[in-house]
Amino acid sequence: MLRYILCLGVVFLLIDHIYTHWGPEIVNRVASGFLGREVTVVEEPPHRESVIDKMLKEVRERVNRLRR
């Protein structure tokens, strides 16, 4: 049971990371393909971070604090 919960957590993190970085591009490409012309359905915010990006940033900050 714990194995399935961990797998579900990993899948959630991967989906979040993929959608955060490439989601709007994929959605716009699929919508453009259906309509046969270039459309923008979802606009990308200038800077976005996924949960994985936030965790890595926090780990780097903690490691830097420990080195000092």
N, C-alpha and C. Protein backbone atom coordinates (compact mmCIF):
# COMPACT_ATOMS: atom_id res chain seq x y z
N MET A 1 0.82 -1.19 0.00
CA MET A 1 0.00 0.00 0.00
C MET A 1 0.87 1.26 0.00
N LEU A 2 1.92 1.23 0.81
CA LEU A 2 2.84 2.37 0.87
C LEU A 2 3.51 2.58 -0.48
N ARG A 3 3.81 1.47 -1.15
CA ARG A 3 4.44 1.55 -2.48
C ARG A 3 3.54 2.29 -3.47
N TYR A 4 2.24 2.03 -3.43
CA TYR A 4 1.30 2.68 -4.35
C TYR A 4 1.17 4.17 -4.03
N ILE A 5 1.19 4.49 -2.76
CA ILE A 5 1.11 5.90 -2.36
C ILE A 5 2.35 6.65 -2.83
N LEU A 6 3.52 6.04 -2.67
CA LEU A 6 4.76 6.67 -3.13
C LEU A 6 4.77 6.82 -4.66
N CYS A 7 4.31 5.80 -5.36
CA CYS A 7 4.24 5.88 -6.83
C CYS A 7 3.27 6.99 -7.26
N LEU A 8 2.15 7.10 -6.58
CA LEU A 8 1.19 8.14 -6.90
C LEU A 8 1.80 9.52 -6.65
N GLY A 9 2.57 9.67 -5.59
CA GLY A 9 3.25 10.94 -5.31
C GLY A 9 4.26 11.29 -6.38
N VAL A 10 5.03 10.31 -6.82
CA VAL A 10 6.03 10.53 -7.87
C VAL A 10 5.34 10.91 -9.18
N VAL A 11 4.25 10.23 -9.50
CA VAL A 11 3.51 10.54 -10.73
C VAL A 11 2.96 11.96 -10.66
N PHE A 12 2.42 12.36 -9.52
CA PHE A 12 1.92 13.72 -9.34
C PHE A 12 3.03 14.75 -9.55
N LEU A 13 4.21 14.51 -8.97
CA LEU A 13 5.33 15.44 -9.12
C LEU A 13 5.77 15.55 -10.58
N LEU A 14 5.81 14.43 -11.29
CA LEU A 14 6.20 14.45 -12.70
C LEU A 14 5.18 15.19 -13.56
N ILE A 15 3.90 14.93 -13.32
CA ILE A 15 2.86 15.63 -14.08
C ILE A 15 2.91 17.12 -13.82
N ASP A 16 3.10 17.51 -12.56
CA ASP A 16 3.20 18.92 -12.21
C ASP A 16 4.39 19.56 -12.91
N HIS A 17 5.53 18.88 -12.91
CA HIS A 17 6.74 19.43 -13.53
C HIS A 17 6.57 19.58 -15.04
N ILE A 18 6.03 18.56 -15.67
CA ILE A 18 5.83 18.61 -17.13
C ILE A 18 4.83 19.70 -17.50
N TYR A 19 3.70 19.76 -16.78
CA TYR A 19 2.70 20.78 -17.12
C TYR A 19 3.22 22.19 -16.85
N THR A 20 3.97 22.37 -15.78
CA THR A 20 4.49 23.70 -15.45
C THR A 20 5.42 24.21 -16.54
N HIS A 21 6.29 23.34 -17.05
CA HIS A 21 7.27 23.79 -18.03
C HIS A 21 6.80 23.73 -19.48
N TRP A 22 5.99 22.75 -19.82
CA TRP A 22 5.60 22.58 -21.22
C TRP A 22 4.10 22.55 -21.44
N GLY A 23 3.29 22.69 -20.41
CA GLY A 23 1.84 22.59 -20.52
C GLY A 23 1.19 23.57 -21.48
N PRO A 24 1.41 24.88 -21.30
CA PRO A 24 0.78 25.84 -22.21
C PRO A 24 1.18 25.62 -23.67
N GLU A 25 2.44 25.26 -23.89
CA GLU A 25 2.89 25.00 -25.27
C GLU A 25 2.15 23.80 -25.87
N ILE A 26 1.99 22.75 -25.09
CA ILE A 26 1.29 21.56 -25.57
C ILE A 26 -0.18 21.87 -25.83
N VAL A 27 -0.84 22.57 -24.90
CA VAL A 27 -2.26 22.91 -25.06
C VAL A 27 -2.46 23.77 -26.30
N ASN A 28 -1.62 24.76 -26.50
CA ASN A 28 -1.75 25.64 -27.66
C ASN A 28 -1.48 24.88 -28.96
N ARG A 29 -0.53 23.98 -28.96
CA ARG A 29 -0.22 23.21 -30.16
C ARG A 29 -1.38 22.29 -30.53
N VAL A 30 -1.98 21.63 -29.52
CA VAL A 30 -3.12 20.74 -29.79
C VAL A 30 -4.32 21.54 -30.29
N ALA A 31 -4.60 22.68 -29.65
CA ALA A 31 -5.72 23.52 -30.07
C ALA A 31 -5.50 24.05 -31.49
N SER A 32 -4.28 24.43 -31.81
CA SER A 32 -3.98 24.92 -33.16
C SER A 32 -4.16 23.80 -34.18
N GLY A 33 -3.81 22.60 -33.81
CA GLY A 33 -3.99 21.46 -34.71
C GLY A 33 -5.46 21.18 -35.00
N PHE A 34 -6.30 21.30 -33.97
CA PHE A 34 -7.73 21.07 -34.17
C PHE A 34 -8.38 22.17 -35.01
N LEU A 35 -7.96 23.40 -34.81
CA LEU A 35 -8.57 24.51 -35.54
C LEU A 35 -7.94 24.77 -36.90
N GLY A 36 -6.75 24.24 -37.11
CA GLY A 36 -6.09 24.42 -38.40
C GLY A 36 -5.43 25.77 -38.57
N ARG A 37 -5.31 26.51 -37.50
CA ARG A 37 -4.62 27.80 -37.54
C ARG A 37 -3.96 28.03 -36.18
N GLU A 38 -3.05 28.96 -36.13
CA GLU A 38 -2.33 29.25 -34.89
C GLU A 38 -3.22 29.99 -33.91
N VAL A 39 -3.45 29.43 -32.74
CA VAL A 39 -4.25 30.07 -31.70
C VAL A 39 -3.49 30.00 -30.38
N THR A 40 -3.83 30.91 -29.48
CA THR A 40 -3.27 30.91 -28.14
C THR A 40 -4.43 30.74 -27.15
N VAL A 41 -4.49 29.58 -26.55
CA VAL A 41 -5.53 29.28 -25.58
C VAL A 41 -5.04 29.62 -24.18
N VAL A 42 -3.81 29.24 -23.90
CA VAL A 42 -3.21 29.46 -22.59
C VAL A 42 -1.95 30.29 -22.77
N GLU A 43 -1.85 31.39 -22.04
CA GLU A 43 -0.64 32.20 -22.09
C GLU A 43 0.27 31.84 -20.94
N GLU A 44 1.56 31.83 -21.22
CA GLU A 44 2.53 31.47 -20.19
C GLU A 44 2.86 32.66 -19.31
N PRO A 45 2.81 32.47 -18.00
CA PRO A 45 3.32 33.51 -17.11
C PRO A 45 4.84 33.62 -17.29
N PRO A 46 5.43 34.76 -16.95
CA PRO A 46 6.86 34.94 -17.21
C PRO A 46 7.76 33.95 -16.46
N HIS A 47 7.44 33.64 -15.22
CA HIS A 47 8.30 32.73 -14.46
C HIS A 47 7.43 31.79 -13.63
N ARG A 48 7.61 30.51 -13.86
CA ARG A 48 6.83 29.52 -13.12
C ARG A 48 7.77 28.46 -12.57
N GLU A 49 7.44 27.94 -11.40
CA GLU A 49 8.23 26.88 -10.80
C GLU A 49 7.31 25.73 -10.42
N SER A 50 7.76 24.52 -10.71
CA SER A 50 7.01 23.34 -10.30
C SER A 50 7.39 23.00 -8.87
N VAL A 51 6.72 22.03 -8.30
CA VAL A 51 7.01 21.59 -6.94
C VAL A 51 8.45 21.07 -6.86
N ILE A 52 8.88 20.35 -7.88
CA ILE A 52 10.25 19.83 -7.91
C ILE A 52 11.25 20.98 -7.93
N ASP A 53 10.99 22.02 -8.74
CA ASP A 53 11.88 23.18 -8.78
C ASP A 53 11.97 23.86 -7.42
N LYS A 54 10.83 23.99 -6.75
CA LYS A 54 10.81 24.63 -5.43
C LYS A 54 11.58 23.80 -4.41
N MET A 55 11.42 22.48 -4.47
CA MET A 55 12.14 21.62 -3.53
C MET A 55 13.64 21.69 -3.77
N LEU A 56 14.07 21.65 -5.04
CA LEU A 56 15.50 21.74 -5.34
C LEU A 56 16.08 23.08 -4.90
N LYS A 57 15.33 24.15 -5.10
CA LYS A 57 15.78 25.47 -4.68
C LYS A 57 15.96 25.52 -3.16
N GLU A 58 15.01 24.96 -2.43
CA GLU A 58 15.09 24.93 -0.97
C GLU A 58 16.29 24.10 -0.50
N VAL A 59 16.53 22.96 -1.13
CA VAL A 59 17.67 22.12 -0.76
C VAL A 59 18.97 22.86 -1.01
N ARG A 60 19.09 23.53 -2.16
CA ARG A 60 20.31 24.29 -2.46
C ARG A 60 20.55 25.39 -1.44
N GLU A 61 19.48 26.10 -1.05
CA GLU A 61 19.62 27.15 -0.05
C GLU A 61 20.08 26.59 1.28
N ARG A 62 19.52 25.46 1.70
CA ARG A 62 19.92 24.85 2.97
C ARG A 62 21.35 24.36 2.94
N VAL A 63 21.77 23.78 1.82
CA VAL A 63 23.15 23.31 1.69
C VAL A 63 24.11 24.49 1.75
N ASN A 64 23.75 25.59 1.07
CA ASN A 64 24.60 26.78 1.11
C ASN A 64 24.70 27.34 2.51
N ARG A 65 23.59 27.33 3.27
CA ARG A 65 23.62 27.82 4.65
C ARG A 65 24.50 26.94 5.52
N LEU A 66 24.48 25.62 5.28
CA LEU A 66 25.30 24.71 6.08
C LEU A 66 26.79 24.86 5.77
N ARG A 67 27.12 25.22 4.55
CA ARG A 67 28.52 25.39 4.15
C ARG A 67 29.14 26.63 4.79
N ARG A 68 28.32 27.61 5.11
CA ARG A 68 28.85 28.86 5.67
C ARG A 68 29.19 28.73 7.10
